[in-house]
Protein backbone atom coordinates (compact mmCIF):
# COMPACT_ATOMS: atom_id res chain seq x y z
CA MET A 1 -20.60 37.70 -90.45
CA LYS A 2 -19.58 41.01 -88.87
CA ALA A 3 -23.16 42.33 -89.26
CA ASN A 4 -24.54 39.24 -87.54
CA VAL A 5 -22.11 39.69 -84.63
CA GLN A 6 -23.10 43.35 -84.26
CA THR A 7 -26.81 42.46 -84.39
CA GLY A 8 -26.33 39.78 -81.73
CA SER A 9 -24.36 42.14 -79.53
CA ARG A 10 -27.04 44.80 -79.79
CA ARG A 11 -29.77 42.30 -78.93
CA HIS A 12 -27.76 41.21 -75.92
CA ARG A 13 -27.46 44.81 -74.70
CA ILE A 14 -31.19 45.39 -75.20
CA HIS A 15 -32.00 42.19 -73.32
CA ALA A 16 -29.66 43.14 -70.45
CA ARG A 17 -31.25 46.60 -70.28
CA ASP A 18 -34.76 45.12 -70.21
CA VAL A 19 -33.78 42.73 -67.42
CA THR A 20 -32.30 45.60 -65.41
CA ILE A 21 -35.45 47.71 -65.84
CA PHE A 22 -37.65 44.76 -64.89
CA LYS A 23 -35.62 44.12 -61.72
CA ALA A 24 -35.61 47.81 -60.82
CA ILE A 25 -39.42 47.94 -61.05
CA GLY A 26 -40.38 44.40 -60.09
CA TYR A 27 -38.26 43.84 -56.98
CA PRO A 28 -39.46 46.93 -55.06
CA PHE A 29 -43.06 46.17 -56.05
CA LEU A 30 -42.77 42.57 -54.83
CA ALA A 31 -41.09 43.74 -51.62
CA ILE A 32 -43.93 46.20 -50.91
CA PHE A 33 -46.53 43.54 -51.73
CA ALA A 34 -44.82 41.04 -49.41
CA VAL A 35 -44.82 43.59 -46.57
CA LEU A 36 -48.52 44.30 -47.13
CA CYS A 37 -49.27 40.57 -46.97
CA LEU A 38 -47.24 40.20 -43.78
CA LEU A 39 -48.65 43.32 -42.13
CA PRO A 40 -51.97 41.79 -40.91
CA PHE A 41 -50.17 38.95 -39.11
CA LEU A 42 -47.72 41.41 -37.56
CA LEU A 43 -50.73 43.45 -36.42
CA VAL A 44 -52.18 40.33 -34.80
CA ILE A 45 -48.89 39.65 -32.98
CA GLY A 46 -48.61 43.26 -31.79
CA SER A 47 -52.24 43.38 -30.67
CA SER A 48 -51.82 40.18 -28.67
CA PHE A 49 -49.46 42.10 -26.37
CA GLN A 50 -51.91 44.97 -25.76
CA SER A 51 -54.02 45.34 -22.66
CA GLU A 52 -57.79 45.20 -22.96
CA ASN A 53 -58.16 48.87 -21.97
CA GLU A 54 -55.64 49.97 -24.58
CA ILE A 55 -57.49 48.09 -27.33
CA ALA A 56 -60.77 49.70 -26.20
CA ARG A 57 -59.22 53.20 -26.25
CA LEU A 58 -56.78 53.06 -29.18
CA GLY A 59 -57.81 50.02 -31.19
CA TYR A 60 -55.44 47.38 -32.50
CA ARG A 61 -51.86 48.60 -32.85
CA LEU A 62 -48.83 47.22 -34.64
CA ILE A 63 -46.59 48.33 -31.77
CA PRO A 64 -48.29 48.30 -28.34
CA LYS A 65 -48.07 51.50 -26.36
CA HIS A 66 -47.88 49.49 -23.14
CA PHE A 67 -46.54 45.96 -23.36
CA SER A 68 -48.87 43.44 -21.64
CA LEU A 69 -48.92 39.66 -21.23
CA ASP A 70 -52.44 39.53 -19.78
CA SER A 71 -53.88 37.64 -22.74
CA TYR A 72 -51.21 34.93 -22.64
CA ARG A 73 -51.53 34.64 -18.84
CA SER A 74 -55.28 34.10 -19.20
CA ILE A 75 -54.79 31.43 -21.87
CA PHE A 76 -52.06 29.58 -19.99
CA GLN A 77 -53.75 29.60 -16.57
CA ASN A 78 -54.01 25.83 -17.06
CA PRO A 79 -50.95 24.99 -19.20
CA GLY A 80 -51.54 21.25 -18.87
CA SER A 81 -54.75 21.43 -20.91
CA ILE A 82 -53.04 23.51 -23.61
CA ILE A 83 -50.13 21.07 -23.88
CA ARG A 84 -52.52 18.10 -23.97
CA ALA A 85 -54.61 19.79 -26.69
CA TYR A 86 -51.42 20.47 -28.66
CA GLY A 87 -50.58 16.76 -28.41
CA VAL A 88 -54.03 15.74 -29.64
CA THR A 89 -53.90 18.17 -32.57
CA ILE A 90 -50.37 17.14 -33.55
CA PHE A 91 -51.34 13.44 -33.44
CA VAL A 92 -54.49 14.04 -35.49
CA THR A 93 -52.61 16.18 -38.01
CA VAL A 94 -49.70 13.78 -38.49
CA VAL A 95 -51.73 10.54 -38.62
CA GLY A 96 -54.60 12.06 -40.59
CA THR A 97 -52.31 13.73 -43.12
CA ALA A 98 -50.27 10.55 -43.69
CA ALA A 99 -53.33 8.33 -44.08
CA SER A 100 -55.27 10.81 -46.19
CA THR A 101 -52.34 11.50 -48.51
CA PHE A 102 -51.72 7.79 -49.08
CA ILE A 103 -55.40 6.99 -49.74
CA ASN A 104 -55.98 10.00 -52.01
CA MET A 105 -52.77 9.27 -53.92
CA MET A 106 -53.79 5.66 -54.55
CA THR A 107 -57.33 6.66 -55.55
CA GLY A 108 -56.20 9.38 -57.95
CA TYR A 109 -53.61 7.08 -59.53
CA VAL A 110 -56.13 4.26 -60.03
CA LEU A 111 -58.65 6.64 -61.62
CA MET A 112 -55.93 7.69 -64.08
CA ARG A 113 -55.00 4.13 -65.14
CA ARG A 114 -56.09 3.41 -68.71
CA ASP A 115 -56.49 -0.29 -68.01
CA PHE A 116 -59.05 0.33 -65.23
CA GLU A 117 -62.34 -0.33 -67.01
CA TRP A 118 -64.60 1.51 -64.56
CA ARG A 119 -62.43 4.58 -64.02
CA ASN A 120 -64.93 6.98 -65.65
CA LYS A 121 -67.83 5.59 -63.60
CA PHE A 122 -65.90 5.93 -60.34
CA SER A 123 -64.69 9.41 -61.33
CA PHE A 124 -68.30 10.47 -61.84
CA TYR A 125 -69.24 8.96 -58.47
CA PHE A 126 -66.55 10.97 -56.68
CA PHE A 127 -67.43 14.15 -58.55
CA PHE A 128 -71.15 13.66 -57.80
CA THR A 129 -70.43 13.80 -54.07
CA THR A 130 -69.06 17.32 -54.47
CA LEU A 131 -72.46 18.49 -55.75
CA PHE A 132 -74.84 16.56 -53.49
CA SER A 133 -74.52 15.11 -50.02
CA GLY A 134 -76.74 13.26 -47.57
CA GLY A 135 -76.77 16.19 -45.14
CA LEU A 136 -75.49 16.71 -41.62
CA MET A 137 -77.88 14.43 -39.72
CA PRO A 138 -77.36 11.23 -41.78
CA TRP A 139 -73.60 11.86 -41.70
CA TYR A 140 -73.69 12.37 -37.92
CA MET A 141 -75.79 9.23 -37.37
CA VAL A 142 -73.42 7.12 -39.45
CA CYS A 143 -70.42 8.44 -37.49
CA ILE A 144 -72.12 7.69 -34.17
CA ALA A 145 -73.05 4.18 -35.39
CA LEU A 146 -69.37 3.61 -36.20
CA GLY A 147 -68.45 4.39 -32.59
CA PHE A 148 -66.91 7.82 -33.06
CA ARG A 149 -68.28 9.33 -29.86
CA ASP A 150 -65.36 10.29 -27.58
CA ASN A 151 -63.00 8.55 -29.98
CA ILE A 152 -59.92 10.33 -31.29
CA PHE A 153 -60.46 8.72 -34.70
CA ALA A 154 -63.60 10.83 -35.00
CA LEU A 155 -61.19 13.68 -35.66
CA ILE A 156 -59.35 11.74 -38.39
CA ILE A 157 -61.55 9.34 -40.38
CA PRO A 158 -64.48 11.62 -41.43
CA GLY A 159 -62.08 13.90 -43.34
CA ILE A 160 -59.67 11.29 -44.62
CA VAL A 161 -60.93 11.34 -48.24
CA SER A 162 -60.86 14.58 -50.23
CA VAL A 163 -62.35 14.62 -53.73
CA TRP A 164 -60.45 17.81 -54.53
CA ASN A 165 -57.15 16.11 -53.68
CA ILE A 166 -58.12 13.03 -55.71
CA ILE A 167 -58.82 15.19 -58.75
CA LEU A 168 -55.51 16.99 -58.23
CA VAL A 169 -53.61 13.68 -58.04
CA LYS A 170 -55.43 12.32 -61.08
CA GLY A 171 -54.46 15.38 -63.13
CA PHE A 172 -50.86 15.18 -62.01
CA ALA A 173 -50.59 11.42 -62.58
CA ALA A 174 -51.87 11.88 -66.12
CA GLY A 175 -48.62 13.72 -66.86
CA ILE A 176 -46.49 10.73 -65.88
CA PRO A 177 -45.71 8.63 -69.01
CA TYR A 178 -47.89 5.54 -68.98
CA GLU A 179 -45.06 3.60 -70.59
CA ILE A 180 -43.41 3.50 -67.14
CA THR A 181 -46.31 1.45 -65.81
CA GLU A 182 -46.41 -0.78 -68.87
CA SER A 183 -42.68 -1.53 -68.79
CA ALA A 184 -42.85 -2.32 -65.07
CA LYS A 185 -45.73 -4.75 -65.65
CA ILE A 186 -43.74 -6.46 -68.41
CA ASP A 187 -40.90 -6.90 -65.90
CA GLY A 188 -43.32 -8.62 -63.54
CA ALA A 189 -44.05 -5.83 -61.06
CA GLY A 190 -47.46 -5.80 -59.37
CA ASP A 191 -49.79 -2.79 -59.26
CA PHE A 192 -49.00 -1.90 -55.65
CA GLN A 193 -45.27 -2.31 -56.28
CA ILE A 194 -45.53 -0.01 -59.30
CA PHE A 195 -47.34 2.60 -57.22
CA ILE A 196 -44.89 2.51 -54.31
CA ARG A 197 -41.60 2.20 -56.19
CA LEU A 198 -42.30 4.21 -59.36
CA ILE A 199 -45.33 6.51 -59.13
CA TRP A 200 -44.82 7.66 -55.54
CA PRO A 201 -41.21 8.92 -56.01
CA LEU A 202 -42.25 10.75 -59.20
CA SER A 203 -45.16 12.48 -57.45
CA THR A 204 -43.26 14.54 -54.86
CA PRO A 205 -44.79 17.90 -55.95
CA VAL A 206 -48.40 16.73 -55.75
CA ILE A 207 -47.73 14.80 -52.52
CA ALA A 208 -46.39 17.97 -50.91
CA THR A 209 -49.37 19.94 -52.23
CA ILE A 210 -52.14 17.67 -50.95
CA SER A 211 -50.22 17.04 -47.72
CA LEU A 212 -50.18 20.78 -47.01
CA PHE A 213 -53.90 21.13 -47.82
CA THR A 214 -54.72 18.16 -45.61
CA ALA A 215 -52.47 19.21 -42.74
CA LEU A 216 -54.04 22.68 -42.72
CA GLY A 217 -57.49 21.13 -42.67
CA TYR A 218 -56.72 18.84 -39.73
CA TRP A 219 -54.81 21.51 -37.82
CA ASN A 220 -57.62 24.06 -38.09
CA SER A 221 -60.45 21.58 -37.48
CA TRP A 222 -62.66 22.13 -34.43
CA TYR A 223 -66.14 21.21 -35.70
CA ASN A 224 -65.76 17.43 -35.33
CA THR A 225 -64.51 17.92 -31.78
CA MET A 226 -67.63 19.90 -30.97
CA LEU A 227 -69.88 17.18 -32.43
CA PHE A 228 -68.27 13.99 -31.15
CA ILE A 229 -65.91 14.74 -28.25
CA HIS A 230 -67.09 15.32 -24.68
CA ASP A 231 -63.95 14.13 -22.91
CA GLU A 232 -61.74 17.17 -22.24
CA LYS A 233 -58.63 15.00 -22.62
CA LEU A 234 -59.45 14.61 -26.35
CA TYR A 235 -60.13 18.28 -27.08
CA SER A 236 -58.26 19.60 -30.08
CA LEU A 237 -56.27 22.80 -29.69
CA GLN A 238 -58.63 24.89 -31.80
CA TYR A 239 -61.74 23.74 -29.94
CA LEU A 240 -60.13 24.26 -26.54
CA LEU A 241 -59.13 27.82 -27.38
CA TYR A 242 -62.54 28.46 -28.94
CA LYS A 243 -64.12 27.25 -25.69
CA LEU A 244 -61.84 29.51 -23.63
CA ILE A 245 -63.00 32.55 -25.57
CA ASN A 246 -66.67 31.59 -25.24
CA ASP A 247 -66.33 30.97 -21.51
CA ALA A 248 -64.58 34.31 -20.99
CA GLN A 249 -67.25 36.11 -23.02
CA ALA A 250 -70.04 34.38 -21.09
CA LEU A 251 -68.41 35.38 -17.79
CA ARG A 252 -68.27 39.00 -18.89
CA ASP A 253 -71.90 38.94 -20.11
CA ILE A 254 -73.13 37.50 -16.80
CA ALA A 255 -71.18 40.13 -14.88
CA SER A 256 -72.58 42.92 -17.04
CA GLU A 257 -76.16 41.72 -16.52
CA SER A 258 -75.61 41.74 -12.76
CA GLY A 259 -74.28 45.29 -12.86
CA GLU A 260 -70.64 44.41 -12.30
CA VAL A 261 -67.82 45.53 -14.58
CA ILE A 262 -65.09 43.03 -15.36
CA ASN A 263 -62.02 44.26 -17.15
CA THR A 264 -59.67 41.55 -15.96
CA VAL A 265 -60.56 39.16 -18.81
CA PRO A 266 -58.76 40.45 -21.93
CA ILE A 267 -61.12 38.96 -24.49
CA GLU A 268 -60.07 41.05 -27.50
CA SER A 269 -56.34 40.60 -26.95
CA MET A 270 -56.98 36.91 -26.18
CA LYS A 271 -58.42 36.51 -29.67
CA MET A 272 -55.20 37.86 -31.12
CA ALA A 273 -53.06 35.70 -28.85
CA LEU A 274 -55.06 32.61 -29.80
CA THR A 275 -54.48 33.38 -33.47
CA VAL A 276 -50.74 33.48 -32.83
CA ILE A 277 -50.81 30.23 -30.83
CA VAL A 278 -52.87 28.38 -33.44
CA THR A 279 -51.29 29.62 -36.68
CA GLY A 280 -47.66 29.92 -35.56
CA PRO A 281 -46.64 26.25 -35.71
CA ILE A 282 -48.36 25.48 -39.02
CA LEU A 283 -46.69 28.51 -40.65
CA LEU A 284 -43.32 26.89 -40.01
CA LEU A 285 -44.34 23.99 -42.29
CA TYR A 286 -44.95 26.07 -45.41
CA PRO A 287 -41.34 27.11 -46.26
CA PHE A 288 -40.31 23.44 -46.45
CA VAL A 289 -42.98 22.54 -49.03
CA GLN A 290 -43.32 25.85 -50.89
CA ARG A 291 -41.52 24.91 -54.10
CA TYR A 292 -43.27 21.54 -54.29
CA PHE A 293 -46.59 23.15 -53.43
CA ILE A 294 -46.44 25.66 -56.30
CA LYS A 295 -45.26 23.10 -58.85
CA GLY A 296 -47.79 20.47 -57.84
CA LEU A 297 -50.70 22.91 -57.81
CA THR A 298 -49.93 24.40 -61.22
CA LEU A 299 -49.29 21.03 -62.87
CA GLY A 300 -52.47 19.62 -61.43
CA ALA A 301 -54.44 22.63 -62.62
CA VAL A 302 -53.05 22.43 -66.16
CA LYS A 303 -53.55 18.69 -66.51
CA GLY A 304 -56.90 18.60 -64.70
């Protein structure tokens, strides 16, 4: 008995020592790695406050030598358009993410159900679309035929279904005991009731995961705006800022061809400022879904 106690005590000391060594090595390494990951974004923020001449002479700097707001003044010359574009992007992101998450969740859950006779055929159909597509022109013609020109739903509906998210949901739902569904059906619950009241509350990790993926996609989208939207009131934030940069660059090119020199348009620092304006709000979302995001992604990967 005494020997066993001594052996256990020694193992405990060795374990405590190993934990201490791991923390002493691991924590500083993780801290350095975190700083290295954060450094590029801090460089973007610092460079957004540089003047155009300073960037041309010294390059991008973490701490500006001379603090300048020229890039932000150029962007916010017409603040009404920026605010309106923010409203459009927020609406598209919120509505699109909610609708897409709900549809992809239902689709992935149905494809997991053992009592759905055609689940393998539909799964193959969805997977097939990831390998082959009709191409840009047929897709564009279908969208135009559906009335998506100068329609805000042109920014939502074309990206509402994601095969990747469906596969992720299907893999996650496979880990939920099927007996839950069977017992609910015995008690008289319908399929939609089972999904809403049982499967949905149990799927918080994967819901957070696909919601984040979808929200990022809608927030960063500008291509559909370029294809379908001609009304400036429906411009998304990303397309509006992209257009501002192109217009400023075109103005400088025209001036250069005519022999004039224009240094008043801070194009390079504007690019950095636009990055801050676009990515700042969406970065605030990640801390709230981080733990669900990691859990949902790993579970879906293991089960899928």
